[in-house]
Amino acid sequence: MLALLRHPTEAARLAAQGAGSRLVTTAVEELLRYDSPVRDATFRCAAAPIGLHGRTIGTGDIVSLLIGSANRDEERFRDADLLDLGRTPSDHLAFGYGPHFCIGAALARLEGAVAFPLLLKRLATVELAKPADELPWRPARVMRGLAALPLVRR
């Protein structure tokens, strides 16, 4: 919702399409990519040596994957810092990958597809009560989330 409140043109685009539209499906994926709920993956142990940017990650080395950064990679996503609710495909890593893929991904996508159009309809006359950079975030290493989202009526 914060991303939609910060991008009113995209929010209006989604609200105009409504529930059940193709845009709702792509919007959920784009919102997951743009503002990933998981910033950092849990630590991993390299199973084999991996060359990366002229350096080698050795077998057994501990690494932390920055999912939020990967989802904004300009080599992977054109205009990666732009919120485009119609972006396709959006092969983001918000739910992880392979054996670490989130078991609740389908439920989370369904919840987003139901919640975003409903919230945009019911909250059509609200805006942020304070600047986005002043919003309180929950302290956490893995899961990202606001501690509060204060709103006011326009």
N, C-alpha and C. Protein backbone atom coordinates (compact mmCIF):
# COMPACT_ATOMS: atom_id res chain seq x y z
N MET A 1 0.83 -1.20 0.00
CA MET A 1 0.00 0.00 0.00
C MET A 1 0.86 1.25 0.00
N LEU A 2 2.00 1.19 0.69
CA LEU A 2 2.89 2.35 0.69
C LEU A 2 3.34 2.68 -0.73
N ALA A 3 3.73 1.68 -1.49
CA ALA A 3 4.16 1.91 -2.87
C ALA A 3 3.02 2.53 -3.69
N LEU A 4 1.81 2.05 -3.50
CA LEU A 4 0.66 2.61 -4.24
C LEU A 4 0.36 4.04 -3.80
N LEU A 5 0.48 4.32 -2.52
CA LEU A 5 0.26 5.69 -2.04
C LEU A 5 1.33 6.63 -2.55
N ARG A 6 2.53 6.13 -2.75
CA ARG A 6 3.62 6.96 -3.26
C ARG A 6 3.57 7.10 -4.78
N HIS A 7 2.75 6.29 -5.43
CA HIS A 7 2.62 6.32 -6.90
C HIS A 7 1.14 6.41 -7.26
N PRO A 8 0.53 7.56 -7.04
CA PRO A 8 -0.92 7.69 -7.24
C PRO A 8 -1.41 7.41 -8.66
N THR A 9 -0.58 7.65 -9.65
CA THR A 9 -1.00 7.35 -11.03
C THR A 9 -1.17 5.84 -11.21
N GLU A 10 -0.23 5.08 -10.67
CA GLU A 10 -0.34 3.62 -10.76
C GLU A 10 -1.50 3.11 -9.91
N ALA A 11 -1.71 3.72 -8.75
CA ALA A 11 -2.84 3.33 -7.89
C ALA A 11 -4.16 3.57 -8.62
N ALA A 12 -4.27 4.71 -9.27
CA ALA A 12 -5.51 5.03 -10.02
C ALA A 12 -5.70 4.06 -11.18
N ARG A 13 -4.62 3.70 -11.83
CA ARG A 13 -4.67 2.72 -12.93
C ARG A 13 -5.22 1.39 -12.43
N LEU A 14 -4.74 0.94 -11.28
CA LEU A 14 -5.20 -0.33 -10.72
C LEU A 14 -6.64 -0.22 -10.25
N ALA A 15 -6.99 0.88 -9.60
CA ALA A 15 -8.36 1.07 -9.11
C ALA A 15 -9.35 1.08 -10.27
N ALA A 16 -8.96 1.67 -11.39
CA ALA A 16 -9.86 1.74 -12.55
C ALA A 16 -10.12 0.36 -13.15
N GLN A 17 -9.13 -0.52 -13.08
CA GLN A 17 -9.30 -1.87 -13.63
C GLN A 17 -10.14 -2.76 -12.72
N GLY A 18 -9.95 -2.63 -11.42
CA GLY A 18 -10.75 -3.38 -10.46
C GLY A 18 -10.34 -4.82 -10.29
N ALA A 19 -11.02 -5.47 -9.36
CA ALA A 19 -10.75 -6.87 -9.01
C ALA A 19 -10.96 -7.77 -10.21
N GLY A 20 -10.16 -8.82 -10.28
CA GLY A 20 -10.32 -9.82 -11.33
C GLY A 20 -9.68 -9.45 -12.66
N SER A 21 -9.13 -8.26 -12.78
CA SER A 21 -8.52 -7.85 -14.05
C SER A 21 -7.13 -8.44 -14.19
N ARG A 22 -6.65 -8.49 -15.42
CA ARG A 22 -5.27 -8.95 -15.69
C ARG A 22 -4.27 -8.05 -14.98
N LEU A 23 -4.60 -6.76 -14.89
CA LEU A 23 -3.69 -5.82 -14.23
C LEU A 23 -3.50 -6.16 -12.76
N VAL A 24 -4.52 -6.68 -12.10
CA VAL A 24 -4.37 -7.06 -10.69
C VAL A 24 -3.29 -8.13 -10.56
N THR A 25 -3.28 -9.10 -11.45
CA THR A 25 -2.28 -10.17 -11.41
C THR A 25 -0.88 -9.61 -11.59
N THR A 26 -0.68 -8.78 -12.61
CA THR A 26 0.66 -8.23 -12.84
C THR A 26 1.02 -7.24 -11.74
N ALA A 27 0.04 -6.53 -11.19
CA ALA A 27 0.31 -5.56 -10.12
C ALA A 27 0.84 -6.25 -8.87
N VAL A 28 0.25 -7.36 -8.50
CA VAL A 28 0.73 -8.10 -7.32
C VAL A 28 2.18 -8.51 -7.52
N GLU A 29 2.51 -9.03 -8.69
CA GLU A 29 3.89 -9.44 -8.97
C GLU A 29 4.84 -8.24 -8.96
N GLU A 30 4.41 -7.14 -9.55
CA GLU A 30 5.25 -5.95 -9.59
C GLU A 30 5.45 -5.35 -8.21
N LEU A 31 4.43 -5.34 -7.39
CA LEU A 31 4.57 -4.82 -6.03
C LEU A 31 5.52 -5.69 -5.21
N LEU A 32 5.47 -7.00 -5.43
CA LEU A 32 6.41 -7.90 -4.76
C LEU A 32 7.85 -7.63 -5.22
N ARG A 33 8.02 -7.37 -6.50
CA ARG A 33 9.36 -7.08 -7.03
C ARG A 33 9.84 -5.72 -6.55
N TYR A 34 9.00 -4.73 -6.67
CA TYR A 34 9.38 -3.34 -6.39
C TYR A 34 9.70 -3.11 -4.91
N ASP A 35 8.92 -3.69 -4.04
CA ASP A 35 9.07 -3.46 -2.61
C ASP A 35 9.02 -4.80 -1.88
N SER A 36 10.02 -5.61 -2.10
CA SER A 36 10.06 -6.98 -1.60
C SER A 36 9.84 -7.06 -0.08
N PRO A 37 8.93 -7.93 0.36
CA PRO A 37 8.71 -8.08 1.80
C PRO A 37 9.89 -8.75 2.51
N VAL A 38 10.69 -9.49 1.76
CA VAL A 38 11.90 -10.10 2.31
C VAL A 38 13.08 -9.38 1.67
N ARG A 39 13.85 -8.68 2.51
CA ARG A 39 14.98 -7.91 2.00
C ARG A 39 16.19 -8.79 1.78
N ASP A 40 16.53 -9.58 2.79
CA ASP A 40 17.71 -10.45 2.75
C ASP A 40 17.25 -11.89 2.95
N ALA A 41 17.82 -12.79 2.17
CA ALA A 41 17.56 -14.21 2.41
C ALA A 41 18.33 -14.64 3.66
N THR A 42 17.93 -15.75 4.23
CA THR A 42 18.72 -16.28 5.34
C THR A 42 20.09 -16.69 4.78
N PHE A 43 21.06 -16.84 5.63
CA PHE A 43 22.40 -17.18 5.18
C PHE A 43 22.42 -18.52 4.47
N ARG A 44 23.30 -18.61 3.49
CA ARG A 44 23.48 -19.85 2.72
C ARG A 44 24.96 -20.22 2.77
N CYS A 45 25.21 -21.47 2.53
CA CYS A 45 26.58 -21.99 2.49
C CYS A 45 26.86 -22.45 1.06
N ALA A 46 27.90 -21.92 0.45
CA ALA A 46 28.23 -22.28 -0.93
C ALA A 46 28.60 -23.76 -1.01
N ALA A 47 27.94 -24.49 -1.90
CA ALA A 47 28.19 -25.92 -2.06
C ALA A 47 29.38 -26.20 -2.98
N ALA A 48 29.75 -25.21 -3.78
CA ALA A 48 30.87 -25.35 -4.71
C ALA A 48 31.45 -23.96 -4.94
N PRO A 49 32.68 -23.87 -5.42
CA PRO A 49 33.26 -22.56 -5.70
C PRO A 49 32.46 -21.83 -6.79
N ILE A 50 32.31 -20.53 -6.59
CA ILE A 50 31.55 -19.71 -7.53
C ILE A 50 32.36 -18.46 -7.83
N GLY A 51 32.63 -18.22 -9.11
CA GLY A 51 33.31 -16.99 -9.51
C GLY A 51 32.29 -15.88 -9.67
N LEU A 52 32.58 -14.73 -9.08
CA LEU A 52 31.64 -13.61 -9.13
C LEU A 52 32.41 -12.30 -9.15
N HIS A 53 32.32 -11.58 -10.25
CA HIS A 53 32.97 -10.26 -10.39
C HIS A 53 34.46 -10.31 -10.05
N GLY A 54 35.15 -11.32 -10.57
CA GLY A 54 36.59 -11.41 -10.39
C GLY A 54 37.04 -11.98 -9.06
N ARG A 55 36.11 -12.40 -8.25
CA ARG A 55 36.44 -13.00 -6.95
C ARG A 55 35.83 -14.40 -6.91
N THR A 56 36.26 -15.19 -5.94
CA THR A 56 35.72 -16.54 -5.81
C THR A 56 35.10 -16.71 -4.43
N ILE A 57 33.88 -17.20 -4.44
CA ILE A 57 33.22 -17.63 -3.20
C ILE A 57 33.56 -19.10 -3.08
N GLY A 58 34.25 -19.46 -2.02
CA GLY A 58 34.74 -20.82 -1.88
C GLY A 58 33.70 -21.78 -1.30
N THR A 59 33.93 -23.05 -1.53
CA THR A 59 33.07 -24.09 -0.94
C THR A 59 33.02 -23.89 0.57
N GLY A 60 31.83 -23.86 1.12
CA GLY A 60 31.66 -23.69 2.56
C GLY A 60 31.55 -22.24 3.01
N ASP A 61 31.85 -21.29 2.13
CA ASP A 61 31.73 -19.88 2.51
C ASP A 61 30.26 -19.53 2.77
N ILE A 62 30.04 -18.69 3.74
CA ILE A 62 28.69 -18.24 4.09
C ILE A 62 28.38 -16.98 3.28
N VAL A 63 27.21 -16.96 2.66
CA VAL A 63 26.78 -15.79 1.88
C VAL A 63 25.37 -15.38 2.31
N SER A 64 25.07 -14.13 2.08
CA SER A 64 23.72 -13.62 2.32
C SER A 64 23.25 -13.00 1.02
N LEU A 65 22.12 -13.42 0.56
CA LEU A 65 21.58 -12.93 -0.71
C LEU A 65 20.68 -11.74 -0.46
N LEU A 66 20.87 -10.69 -1.22
CA LEU A 66 20.08 -9.47 -1.06
C LEU A 66 18.94 -9.48 -2.08
N ILE A 67 17.82 -10.05 -1.68
CA ILE A 67 16.68 -10.21 -2.57
C ILE A 67 16.15 -8.87 -3.05
N GLY A 68 16.04 -7.92 -2.14
CA GLY A 68 15.57 -6.59 -2.52
C GLY A 68 16.43 -5.97 -3.60
N SER A 69 17.73 -6.15 -3.50
CA SER A 69 18.66 -5.62 -4.50
C SER A 69 18.51 -6.38 -5.82
N ALA A 70 18.41 -7.70 -5.75
CA ALA A 70 18.25 -8.50 -6.97
C ALA A 70 16.98 -8.10 -7.72
N ASN A 71 15.93 -7.77 -6.99
CA ASN A 71 14.66 -7.39 -7.62
C ASN A 71 14.71 -5.99 -8.23
N ARG A 72 15.77 -5.25 -8.00
CA ARG A 72 15.95 -3.93 -8.60
C ARG A 72 17.16 -3.91 -9.55
N ASP A 73 17.62 -5.08 -9.96
CA ASP A 73 18.79 -5.20 -10.84
C ASP A 73 18.45 -4.69 -12.23
N GLU A 74 19.16 -3.63 -12.66
CA GLU A 74 18.92 -3.02 -13.98
C GLU A 74 19.26 -3.98 -15.13
N GLU A 75 20.12 -4.95 -14.89
CA GLU A 75 20.44 -5.92 -15.95
C GLU A 75 19.32 -6.94 -16.11
N ARG A 76 18.49 -7.07 -15.12
CA ARG A 76 17.39 -8.04 -15.14
C ARG A 76 16.05 -7.38 -15.46
N PHE A 77 15.85 -6.17 -14.94
CA PHE A 77 14.57 -5.46 -15.09
C PHE A 77 14.81 -4.08 -15.70
N ARG A 78 14.22 -3.85 -16.86
CA ARG A 78 14.33 -2.53 -17.48
C ARG A 78 13.64 -1.51 -16.59
N ASP A 79 14.27 -0.36 -16.39
CA ASP A 79 13.73 0.69 -15.50
C ASP A 79 13.35 0.09 -14.15
N ALA A 80 14.31 -0.60 -13.54
CA ALA A 80 14.07 -1.37 -12.31
C ALA A 80 13.54 -0.53 -11.15
N ASP A 81 13.88 0.75 -11.10
CA ASP A 81 13.42 1.59 -10.00
C ASP A 81 12.07 2.23 -10.28
N LEU A 82 11.47 1.90 -11.41
CA LEU A 82 10.16 2.41 -11.78
C LEU A 82 9.08 1.39 -11.41
N LEU A 83 8.03 1.85 -10.75
CA LEU A 83 6.88 0.98 -10.45
C LEU A 83 5.97 0.97 -11.67
N ASP A 84 5.84 -0.19 -12.31
CA ASP A 84 5.00 -0.36 -13.49
C ASP A 84 4.11 -1.57 -13.24
N LEU A 85 2.86 -1.31 -12.84
CA LEU A 85 1.96 -2.40 -12.46
C LEU A 85 1.63 -3.34 -13.61
N GLY A 86 1.91 -2.95 -14.83
CA GLY A 86 1.67 -3.81 -15.98
C GLY A 86 2.90 -4.57 -16.43
N ARG A 87 4.00 -4.47 -15.69
CA ARG A 87 5.27 -5.09 -16.09
C ARG A 87 5.10 -6.61 -16.26
N THR A 88 5.53 -7.10 -17.42
CA THR A 88 5.55 -8.55 -17.66
C THR A 88 6.79 -8.88 -18.47
N PRO A 89 7.41 -10.00 -18.25
CA PRO A 89 7.19 -10.78 -17.03
C PRO A 89 7.90 -10.11 -15.86
N SER A 90 7.54 -10.51 -14.69
CA SER A 90 8.18 -9.99 -13.49
C SER A 90 8.70 -11.19 -12.70
N ASP A 91 9.76 -11.76 -13.21
CA ASP A 91 10.32 -12.96 -12.59
C ASP A 91 11.23 -12.58 -11.42
N HIS A 92 10.59 -12.03 -10.41
CA HIS A 92 11.26 -11.55 -9.20
C HIS A 92 11.64 -12.71 -8.28
N LEU A 93 12.36 -12.37 -7.23
CA LEU A 93 12.78 -13.36 -6.25
C LEU A 93 12.14 -13.13 -4.89
N ALA A 94 11.04 -12.41 -4.84
CA ALA A 94 10.41 -12.07 -3.56
C ALA A 94 10.04 -13.30 -2.73
N PHE A 95 9.76 -14.40 -3.39
CA PHE A 95 9.41 -15.63 -2.67
C PHE A 95 10.56 -16.64 -2.64
N GLY A 96 11.74 -16.21 -3.01
CA GLY A 96 12.87 -17.13 -3.05
C GLY A 96 12.90 -17.89 -4.36
N TYR A 97 13.64 -19.01 -4.34
CA TYR A 97 13.81 -19.79 -5.56
C TYR A 97 14.17 -21.23 -5.21
N GLY A 98 13.79 -22.15 -6.06
CA GLY A 98 14.18 -23.55 -5.90
C GLY A 98 13.68 -24.15 -4.60
N PRO A 99 14.53 -24.90 -3.89
CA PRO A 99 14.07 -25.57 -2.66
C PRO A 99 13.72 -24.59 -1.54
N HIS A 100 14.11 -23.34 -1.69
CA HIS A 100 13.82 -22.33 -0.67
C HIS A 100 12.63 -21.45 -1.07
N PHE A 101 11.88 -21.86 -2.09
CA PHE A 101 10.72 -21.09 -2.53
C PHE A 101 9.65 -21.10 -1.43
N CYS A 102 9.06 -19.96 -1.18
CA CYS A 102 8.08 -19.79 -0.10
C CYS A 102 6.86 -20.70 -0.29
N ILE A 103 6.58 -21.50 0.70
CA ILE A 103 5.43 -22.41 0.64
C ILE A 103 4.10 -21.65 0.63
N GLY A 104 4.10 -20.43 1.13
CA GLY A 104 2.87 -19.63 1.19
C GLY A 104 2.70 -18.67 0.03
N ALA A 105 3.51 -18.80 -1.03
CA ALA A 105 3.47 -17.85 -2.14
C ALA A 105 2.09 -17.75 -2.80
N ALA A 106 1.45 -18.87 -3.04
CA ALA A 106 0.13 -18.84 -3.71
C ALA A 106 -0.89 -18.11 -2.85
N LEU A 107 -0.86 -18.35 -1.54
CA LEU A 107 -1.79 -17.67 -0.64
C LEU A 107 -1.50 -16.17 -0.60
N ALA A 108 -0.24 -15.79 -0.53
CA ALA A 108 0.13 -14.37 -0.50
C ALA A 108 -0.31 -13.67 -1.78
N ARG A 109 -0.15 -14.32 -2.92
CA ARG A 109 -0.58 -13.72 -4.19
C ARG A 109 -2.10 -13.54 -4.20
N LEU A 110 -2.82 -14.54 -3.73
CA LEU A 110 -4.28 -14.45 -3.67
C LEU A 110 -4.71 -13.32 -2.74
N GLU A 111 -4.07 -13.23 -1.58
CA GLU A 111 -4.40 -12.16 -0.63
C GLU A 111 -4.18 -10.79 -1.27
N GLY A 112 -3.07 -10.62 -1.98
CA GLY A 112 -2.80 -9.35 -2.65
C GLY A 112 -3.82 -9.05 -3.73
N ALA A 113 -4.20 -10.06 -4.50
CA ALA A 113 -5.18 -9.87 -5.58
C ALA A 113 -6.55 -9.46 -5.04
N VAL A 114 -6.88 -9.90 -3.84
CA VAL A 114 -8.15 -9.53 -3.21
C VAL A 114 -8.00 -8.18 -2.49
N ALA A 115 -6.91 -8.03 -1.75
CA ALA A 115 -6.76 -6.86 -0.87
C ALA A 115 -6.51 -5.56 -1.62
N PHE A 116 -5.61 -5.54 -2.59
CA PHE A 116 -5.25 -4.27 -3.21
C PHE A 116 -6.43 -3.56 -3.87
N PRO A 117 -7.22 -4.23 -4.73
CA PRO A 117 -8.38 -3.52 -5.32
C PRO A 117 -9.39 -3.07 -4.26
N LEU A 118 -9.61 -3.90 -3.25
CA LEU A 118 -10.56 -3.55 -2.19
C LEU A 118 -10.06 -2.35 -1.38
N LEU A 119 -8.80 -2.37 -1.00
CA LEU A 119 -8.24 -1.24 -0.24
C LEU A 119 -8.25 0.04 -1.06
N LEU A 120 -7.92 -0.05 -2.35
CA LEU A 120 -7.94 1.16 -3.19
C LEU A 120 -9.34 1.73 -3.31
N LYS A 121 -10.33 0.85 -3.35
CA LYS A 121 -11.72 1.31 -3.42
C LYS A 121 -12.16 1.97 -2.11
N ARG A 122 -11.86 1.30 -1.00
CA ARG A 122 -12.30 1.80 0.30
C ARG A 122 -11.48 2.97 0.81
N LEU A 123 -10.25 3.06 0.38
CA LEU A 123 -9.37 4.13 0.85
C LEU A 123 -9.07 5.15 -0.24
N ALA A 124 -10.02 5.35 -1.13
CA ALA A 124 -9.81 6.23 -2.28
C ALA A 124 -9.52 7.67 -1.90
N THR A 125 -9.90 8.08 -0.71
CA THR A 125 -9.72 9.49 -0.33
C THR A 125 -8.68 9.67 0.77
N VAL A 126 -7.72 8.76 0.86
CA VAL A 126 -6.69 8.90 1.90
C VAL A 126 -5.33 9.17 1.27
N GLU A 127 -4.45 9.72 2.09
CA GLU A 127 -3.06 9.92 1.70
C GLU A 127 -2.21 9.74 2.95
N LEU A 128 -0.90 9.70 2.75
CA LEU A 128 0.01 9.54 3.88
C LEU A 128 -0.11 10.73 4.82
N ALA A 129 -0.11 10.47 6.11
CA ALA A 129 -0.22 11.52 7.11
C ALA A 129 1.12 12.21 7.35
N LYS A 130 2.19 11.58 6.92
CA LYS A 130 3.53 12.16 7.06
C LYS A 130 4.36 11.71 5.88
N PRO A 131 5.47 12.38 5.61
CA PRO A 131 6.32 11.97 4.48
C PRO A 131 6.77 10.52 4.62
N ALA A 132 6.87 9.84 3.49
CA ALA A 132 7.23 8.41 3.49
C ALA A 132 8.56 8.15 4.17
N ASP A 133 9.51 9.06 4.06
CA ASP A 133 10.82 8.83 4.68
C ASP A 133 10.79 9.00 6.20
N GLU A 134 9.65 9.41 6.75
CA GLU A 134 9.50 9.53 8.21
C GLU A 134 8.68 8.39 8.81
N LEU A 135 8.24 7.45 7.99
CA LEU A 135 7.43 6.34 8.49
C LEU A 135 8.28 5.38 9.30
N PRO A 136 7.71 4.84 10.38
CA PRO A 136 8.47 3.91 11.23
C PRO A 136 8.47 2.49 10.66
N TRP A 137 9.65 1.90 10.56
CA TRP A 137 9.79 0.52 10.08
C TRP A 137 10.09 -0.39 11.25
N ARG A 138 9.55 -1.60 11.20
CA ARG A 138 9.87 -2.61 12.23
C ARG A 138 11.33 -2.99 12.09
N PRO A 139 12.04 -3.09 13.20
CA PRO A 139 13.44 -3.53 13.12
C PRO A 139 13.49 -5.04 12.85
N ALA A 140 14.09 -5.43 11.75
CA ALA A 140 14.19 -6.84 11.40
C ALA A 140 15.27 -7.02 10.34
N ARG A 141 15.92 -8.14 10.36
CA ARG A 141 16.95 -8.41 9.36
C ARG A 141 16.37 -9.03 8.09
N VAL A 142 15.37 -9.86 8.22
CA VAL A 142 14.86 -10.57 7.05
C VAL A 142 13.56 -9.96 6.54
N MET A 143 12.50 -10.00 7.31
CA MET A 143 11.19 -9.50 6.86
C MET A 143 11.11 -7.98 7.01
N ARG A 144 10.65 -7.32 5.97
CA ARG A 144 10.48 -5.87 5.98
C ARG A 144 9.02 -5.55 6.23
N GLY A 145 8.78 -4.49 6.95
CA GLY A 145 7.41 -4.05 7.15
C GLY A 145 7.36 -2.79 7.97
N LEU A 146 6.37 -2.01 7.69
CA LEU A 146 6.15 -0.79 8.46
C LEU A 146 5.62 -1.13 9.85
N ALA A 147 5.99 -0.34 10.83
CA ALA A 147 5.42 -0.48 12.17
C ALA A 147 4.04 0.16 12.17
N ALA A 148 3.84 1.16 11.31
CA ALA A 148 2.54 1.85 11.21
C ALA A 148 2.47 2.54 9.85
N LEU A 149 1.26 2.70 9.35
CA LEU A 149 1.02 3.42 8.11
C LEU A 149 -0.04 4.47 8.38
N PRO A 150 0.37 5.62 8.95
CA PRO A 150 -0.61 6.66 9.31
C PRO A 150 -1.17 7.34 8.06
N LEU A 151 -2.50 7.40 8.01
CA LEU A 151 -3.21 7.99 6.87
C LEU A 151 -4.14 9.10 7.33
N VAL A 152 -4.44 10.03 6.41
CA VAL A 152 -5.43 11.06 6.65
C VAL A 152 -6.34 11.16 5.43
N ARG A 153 -7.54 11.61 5.66
CA ARG A 153 -8.47 11.85 4.53
C ARG A 153 -8.11 13.14 3.82
N ARG A 154 -8.21 13.11 2.51
CA ARG A 154 -7.95 14.33 1.72
C ARG A 154 -9.10 15.28 1.85
